[in-house]
Amino acid sequence: MTVRTQLSPGLPQVRADAELLRRVLVNLIDNAAEAMEGAAVREITLSTRLGTNGETLEIVLADSGHGIAPQDKDRLFLPHFSTRQRGTGLGLAIADRIVTEHHGTIRVEDNQPQGARFTIRLPAADLPAAVPPAAAAGAANGTASPGASQSASPAVPIPQSGAKG
């Protein structure tokens, strides 16, 4: 299996729980790997880019598997719906809920020439252009700077080309 990344440089951060977003991506990658079993071409592409409105960040995961049947796309994110014999139907429902709780969206479409493509859109964090190091450190350890909401998740940088994570 080949995994390719196309990570845009200079993307804004998103206000999110990094571990929960990691769970979403791991679920999508696991599903993609399973969908490609037996396929001649086994490729996953993970890309990031700024949304067309400039206010969202998009994370796109595409695979070269068998794709998703048109009649299944509307039900794919419903609890207990699965296209797999051993699936519980909870993985994508949980992924959808996590993304929604981060004020984002997740959708599926056909990948070309074959496979499925999932696009996650998350709002960019409303951070000042220059965050003082002390405020950034406070956000990283869960403390809020003056005037910030205590319930807000810390801003999470999205990996960029050449970045290690």
C-alpha atoms as a PDB file:
ATOM      1  CA  MET A   1       0.000   0.000   0.000  1.00  0.00           C
ATOM      2  CA  THR A   2       1.211   3.484  -0.847  1.00  0.00           C
ATOM      3  CA  VAL A   3       0.360   6.484   1.315  1.00  0.00           C
ATOM      4  CA  ARG A   4       0.894   9.903  -0.229  1.00  0.00           C
ATOM      5  CA  THR A   5       0.611  13.277   1.451  1.00  0.00           C
ATOM      6  CA  GLN A   6      -0.110  16.625  -0.154  1.00  0.00           C
ATOM      7  CA  LEU A   7       0.089  19.070   2.727  1.00  0.00           C
ATOM      8  CA  SER A   8      -0.353  22.761   1.960  1.00  0.00           C
ATOM      9  CA  PRO A   9       2.095  25.131   3.659  1.00  0.00           C
ATOM     10  CA  GLY A  10       0.991  28.116   5.726  1.00  0.00           C
ATOM     11  CA  LEU A  11      -2.397  26.802   6.805  1.00  0.00           C
ATOM     12  CA  PRO A  12      -4.175  28.337   9.791  1.00  0.00           C
ATOM     13  CA  GLN A  13      -4.651  26.357  12.967  1.00  0.00           C
ATOM     14  CA  VAL A  14      -7.986  24.895  13.980  1.00  0.00           C
ATOM     15  CA  ARG A  15      -9.438  24.924  17.483  1.00  0.00           C
ATOM     16  CA  ALA A  16      -9.813  21.217  18.140  1.00  0.00           C
ATOM     17  CA  ASP A  17      -8.979  18.224  20.274  1.00  0.00           C
ATOM     18  CA  ALA A  18      -6.001  16.686  18.475  1.00  0.00           C
ATOM     19  CA  GLU A  19      -6.611  13.188  19.871  1.00  0.00           C
ATOM     20  CA  LEU A  20     -10.224  13.138  18.692  1.00  0.00           C
ATOM     21  CA  LEU A  21      -9.262  14.318  15.204  1.00  0.00           C
ATOM     22  CA  ARG A  22      -6.542  11.655  15.149  1.00  0.00           C
ATOM     23  CA  ARG A  23      -9.243   9.052  15.902  1.00  0.00           C
ATOM     24  CA  VAL A  24     -11.313  10.306  12.974  1.00  0.00           C
ATOM     25  CA  LEU A  25      -8.366  10.027  10.588  1.00  0.00           C
ATOM     26  CA  VAL A  26      -7.341   6.592  11.888  1.00  0.00           C
ATOM     27  CA  ASN A  27     -10.899   5.347  11.336  1.00  0.00           C
ATOM     28  CA  LEU A  28     -10.941   6.694   7.778  1.00  0.00           C
ATOM     29  CA  ILE A  29      -7.510   5.166   7.041  1.00  0.00           C
ATOM     30  CA  ASP A  30      -8.538   1.782   8.494  1.00  0.00           C
ATOM     31  CA  ASN A  31     -11.711   1.802   6.388  1.00  0.00           C
ATOM     32  CA  ALA A  32      -9.733   2.774   3.281  1.00  0.00           C
ATOM     33  CA  ALA A  33      -7.194  -0.013   3.845  1.00  0.00           C
ATOM     34  CA  GLU A  34      -9.982  -2.556   4.188  1.00  0.00           C
ATOM     35  CA  ALA A  35     -11.759  -1.239   1.070  1.00  0.00           C
ATOM     36  CA  MET A  36      -8.560  -1.753  -0.932  1.00  0.00           C
ATOM     37  CA  GLU A  37      -8.028  -5.401   0.019  1.00  0.00           C
ATOM     38  CA  GLY A  38      -7.498  -7.335  -3.185  1.00  0.00           C
ATOM     39  CA  ALA A  39      -7.272  -4.182  -5.333  1.00  0.00           C
ATOM     40  CA  ALA A  40      -4.554  -3.963  -7.989  1.00  0.00           C
ATOM     41  CA  VAL A  41      -3.752  -0.379  -6.966  1.00  0.00           C
ATOM     42  CA  ARG A  42      -3.689   0.299  -3.224  1.00  0.00           C
ATOM     43  CA  GLU A  43      -3.157   4.004  -2.626  1.00  0.00           C
ATOM     44  CA  ILE A  44      -4.271   6.439   0.063  1.00  0.00           C
ATOM     45  CA  THR A  45      -3.773  10.168  -0.370  1.00  0.00           C
ATOM     46  CA  LEU A  46      -4.035  12.541   2.575  1.00  0.00           C
ATOM     47  CA  SER A  47      -4.109  16.210   1.696  1.00  0.00           C
ATOM     48  CA  THR A  48      -4.733  19.496   3.458  1.00  0.00           C
ATOM     49  CA  ARG A  49      -5.732  22.810   1.956  1.00  0.00           C
ATOM     50  CA  LEU A  50      -7.447  26.072   2.746  1.00  0.00           C
ATOM     51  CA  GLY A  51     -11.176  25.973   2.023  1.00  0.00           C
ATOM     52  CA  THR A  52     -12.491  28.008  -0.890  1.00  0.00           C
ATOM     53  CA  ASN A  53     -13.967  30.581   1.479  1.00  0.00           C
ATOM     54  CA  GLY A  54     -10.609  31.077   3.228  1.00  0.00           C
ATOM     55  CA  GLU A  55     -12.246  30.493   6.611  1.00  0.00           C
ATOM     56  CA  THR A  56     -12.043  26.709   6.741  1.00  0.00           C
ATOM     57  CA  LEU A  57      -9.340  24.123   6.568  1.00  0.00           C
ATOM     58  CA  GLU A  58      -9.966  20.965   4.546  1.00  0.00           C
ATOM     59  CA  ILE A  59      -8.504  17.552   5.250  1.00  0.00           C
ATOM     60  CA  VAL A  60      -9.090  15.144   2.374  1.00  0.00           C
ATOM     61  CA  LEU A  61      -8.493  11.396   2.527  1.00  0.00           C
ATOM     62  CA  ALA A  62      -8.874   9.539  -0.759  1.00  0.00           C
ATOM     63  CA  ASP A  63      -8.398   5.854  -1.529  1.00  0.00           C
ATOM     64  CA  SER A  64      -8.300   3.621  -4.581  1.00  0.00           C
ATOM     65  CA  GLY A  65     -10.652   0.986  -3.144  1.00  0.00           C
ATOM     66  CA  HIS A  66     -13.995  -0.216  -4.436  1.00  0.00           C
ATOM     67  CA  GLY A  67     -15.761   3.035  -3.499  1.00  0.00           C
ATOM     68  CA  ILE A  68     -19.136   3.517  -1.854  1.00  0.00           C
ATOM     69  CA  ALA A  69     -22.371   2.525  -3.539  1.00  0.00           C
ATOM     70  CA  PRO A  70     -24.610   5.518  -4.338  1.00  0.00           C
ATOM     71  CA  GLN A  71     -27.474   4.103  -2.239  1.00  0.00           C
ATOM     72  CA  ASP A  72     -25.160   3.848   0.802  1.00  0.00           C
ATOM     73  CA  LYS A  73     -23.775   7.400   0.792  1.00  0.00           C
ATOM     74  CA  ASP A  74     -26.795   8.965   2.515  1.00  0.00           C
ATOM     75  CA  ARG A  75     -26.724   6.379   5.311  1.00  0.00           C
ATOM     76  CA  LEU A  76     -22.961   6.045   5.732  1.00  0.00           C
ATOM     77  CA  PHE A  77     -22.733   8.247   8.848  1.00  0.00           C
ATOM     78  CA  LEU A  78     -25.808   6.798  10.599  1.00  0.00           C
ATOM     79  CA  PRO A  79     -25.209   4.696  13.735  1.00  0.00           C
ATOM     80  CA  HIS A  80     -25.251   0.935  13.139  1.00  0.00           C
ATOM     81  CA  PHE A  81     -25.107   1.229   9.346  1.00  0.00           C
ATOM     82  CA  SER A  82     -22.247  -0.793   7.893  1.00  0.00           C
ATOM     83  CA  THR A  83     -21.339  -2.105   4.477  1.00  0.00           C
ATOM     84  CA  ARG A  84     -18.982  -4.670   6.053  1.00  0.00           C
ATOM     85  CA  GLN A  85     -20.005  -8.026   7.489  1.00  0.00           C
ATOM     86  CA  ARG A  86     -17.936  -7.559  10.621  1.00  0.00           C
ATOM     87  CA  GLY A  87     -18.550  -3.818  10.973  1.00  0.00           C
ATOM     88  CA  THR A  88     -20.514  -2.360  13.878  1.00  0.00           C
ATOM     89  CA  GLY A  89     -21.561   0.736  11.978  1.00  0.00           C
ATOM     90  CA  LEU A  90     -20.230   3.004  14.703  1.00  0.00           C
ATOM     91  CA  GLY A  91     -16.878   4.196  13.324  1.00  0.00           C
ATOM     92  CA  LEU A  92     -18.150   6.713  10.791  1.00  0.00           C
ATOM     93  CA  ALA A  93     -21.055   7.745  13.032  1.00  0.00           C
ATOM     94  CA  ILE A  94     -18.546   8.597  15.766  1.00  0.00           C
ATOM     95  CA  ALA A  95     -16.271  10.333  13.249  1.00  0.00           C
ATOM     96  CA  ASP A  96     -19.210  12.448  12.061  1.00  0.00           C
ATOM     97  CA  ARG A  97     -20.117  13.373  15.623  1.00  0.00           C
ATOM     98  CA  ILE A  98     -16.529  14.369  16.475  1.00  0.00           C
ATOM     99  CA  VAL A  99     -16.263  16.575  13.391  1.00  0.00           C
ATOM    100  CA  THR A 100     -19.701  18.099  14.039  1.00  0.00           C
ATOM    101  CA  GLU A 101     -18.789  18.860  17.655  1.00  0.00           C
ATOM    102  CA  HIS A 102     -15.796  20.770  16.275  1.00  0.00           C
ATOM    103  CA  HIS A 103     -18.241  22.858  14.179  1.00  0.00           C
ATOM    104  CA  GLY A 104     -17.090  21.110  11.036  1.00  0.00           C
ATOM    105  CA  THR A 105     -18.497  18.852   8.344  1.00  0.00           C
ATOM    106  CA  ILE A 106     -17.504  15.537   6.826  1.00  0.00           C
ATOM    107  CA  ARG A 107     -18.757  14.282   3.484  1.00  0.00           C
ATOM    108  CA  VAL A 108     -18.030  11.439   1.108  1.00  0.00           C
ATOM    109  CA  GLU A 109     -17.867  11.404  -2.674  1.00  0.00           C
ATOM    110  CA  ASP A 110     -16.438   9.257  -5.430  1.00  0.00           C
ATOM    111  CA  ASN A 111     -12.699   9.430  -5.972  1.00  0.00           C
ATOM    112  CA  GLN A 112     -11.452   9.448  -9.541  1.00  0.00           C
ATOM    113  CA  PRO A 113     -10.719   7.112 -11.234  1.00  0.00           C
ATOM    114  CA  GLN A 114     -11.975   4.847  -8.430  1.00  0.00           C
ATOM    115  CA  GLY A 115     -12.428   4.689  -4.690  1.00  0.00           C
ATOM    116  CA  ALA A 116     -13.854   7.040  -2.101  1.00  0.00           C
ATOM    117  CA  ARG A 117     -12.872  10.532  -0.977  1.00  0.00           C
ATOM    118  CA  PHE A 118     -13.765  11.920   2.447  1.00  0.00           C
ATOM    119  CA  THR A 119     -13.507  15.675   2.985  1.00  0.00           C
ATOM    120  CA  ILE A 120     -13.429  17.133   6.480  1.00  0.00           C
ATOM    121  CA  ARG A 121     -13.966  20.888   6.778  1.00  0.00           C
ATOM    122  CA  LEU A 122     -13.085  22.627  10.044  1.00  0.00           C
ATOM    123  CA  PRO A 123     -13.284  26.324  10.863  1.00  0.00           C
ATOM    124  CA  ALA A 124      -9.942  28.078  11.134  1.00  0.00           C
ATOM    125  CA  ALA A 125      -9.095  29.261  14.639  1.00  0.00           C
ATOM    126  CA  ASP A 126      -9.655  32.939  15.327  1.00  0.00           C
ATOM    127  CA  LEU A 127      -6.169  33.666  16.591  1.00  0.00           C
ATOM    128  CA  PRO A 128      -4.325  36.970  16.418  1.00  0.00           C
ATOM    129  CA  ALA A 129      -1.555  37.083  13.830  1.00  0.00           C
ATOM    130  CA  ALA A 130       1.121  36.911  16.529  1.00  0.00           C
ATOM    131  CA  VAL A 131       0.371  34.932  19.667  1.00  0.00           C
ATOM    132  CA  PRO A 132       2.725  35.706  22.556  1.00  0.00           C
ATOM    133  CA  PRO A 133       4.759  32.600  23.520  1.00  0.00           C
ATOM    134  CA  ALA A 134       3.259  32.567  27.039  1.00  0.00           C
ATOM    135  CA  ALA A 135      -0.293  32.564  25.637  1.00  0.00           C
ATOM    136  CA  ALA A 136       0.586  29.843  23.138  1.00  0.00           C
ATOM    137  CA  ALA A 137       2.084  27.734  25.931  1.00  0.00           C
ATOM    138  CA  GLY A 138      -1.062  28.254  28.018  1.00  0.00           C
ATOM    139  CA  ALA A 139      -3.257  27.134  25.139  1.00  0.00           C
ATOM    140  CA  ALA A 140      -1.091  24.067  24.594  1.00  0.00           C
ATOM    141  CA  ASN A 141      -1.469  22.927  28.196  1.00  0.00           C
ATOM    142  CA  GLY A 142      -5.198  23.645  28.329  1.00  0.00           C
ATOM    143  CA  THR A 143      -5.128  26.983  30.150  1.00  0.00           C
ATOM    144  CA  ALA A 144      -6.809  29.958  28.578  1.00  0.00           C
ATOM    145  CA  SER A 145      -5.372  33.412  28.170  1.00  0.00           C
ATOM    146  CA  PRO A 146      -7.319  36.389  29.575  1.00  0.00           C
ATOM    147  CA  GLY A 147     -10.596  36.870  27.750  1.00  0.00           C
ATOM    148  CA  ALA A 148     -10.585  33.372  26.263  1.00  0.00           C
ATOM    149  CA  SER A 149     -13.304  30.854  26.952  1.00  0.00           C
ATOM    150  CA  GLN A 150     -12.251  28.070  29.317  1.00  0.00           C
ATOM    151  CA  SER A 151     -14.280  25.538  27.330  1.00  0.00           C
ATOM    152  CA  ALA A 152     -12.537  26.231  24.042  1.00  0.00           C
ATOM    153  CA  SER A 153     -10.192  23.564  22.728  1.00  0.00           C
ATOM    154  CA  PRO A 154      -6.609  24.619  22.137  1.00  0.00           C
ATOM    155  CA  ALA A 155      -5.696  25.512  18.584  1.00  0.00           C
ATOM    156  CA  VAL A 156      -4.177  22.563  16.763  1.00  0.00           C
ATOM    157  CA  PRO A 157      -1.671  23.080  13.987  1.00  0.00           C
ATOM    158  CA  ILE A 158      -2.319  20.933  10.928  1.00  0.00           C
ATOM    159  CA  PRO A 159       0.897  19.318   9.620  1.00  0.00           C
ATOM    160  CA  GLN A 160       2.431  21.015   6.640  1.00  0.00           C
ATOM    161  CA  SER A 161       4.811  19.770   3.971  1.00  0.00           C
ATOM    162  CA  GLY A 162       8.111  18.849   5.511  1.00  0.00           C
ATOM    163  CA  ALA A 163       6.694  18.992   9.028  1.00  0.00           C
ATOM    164  CA  LYS A 164       7.121  16.072  11.360  1.00  0.00           C
ATOM    165  CA  GLY A 165       4.314  15.131  13.657  1.00  0.00           C
END
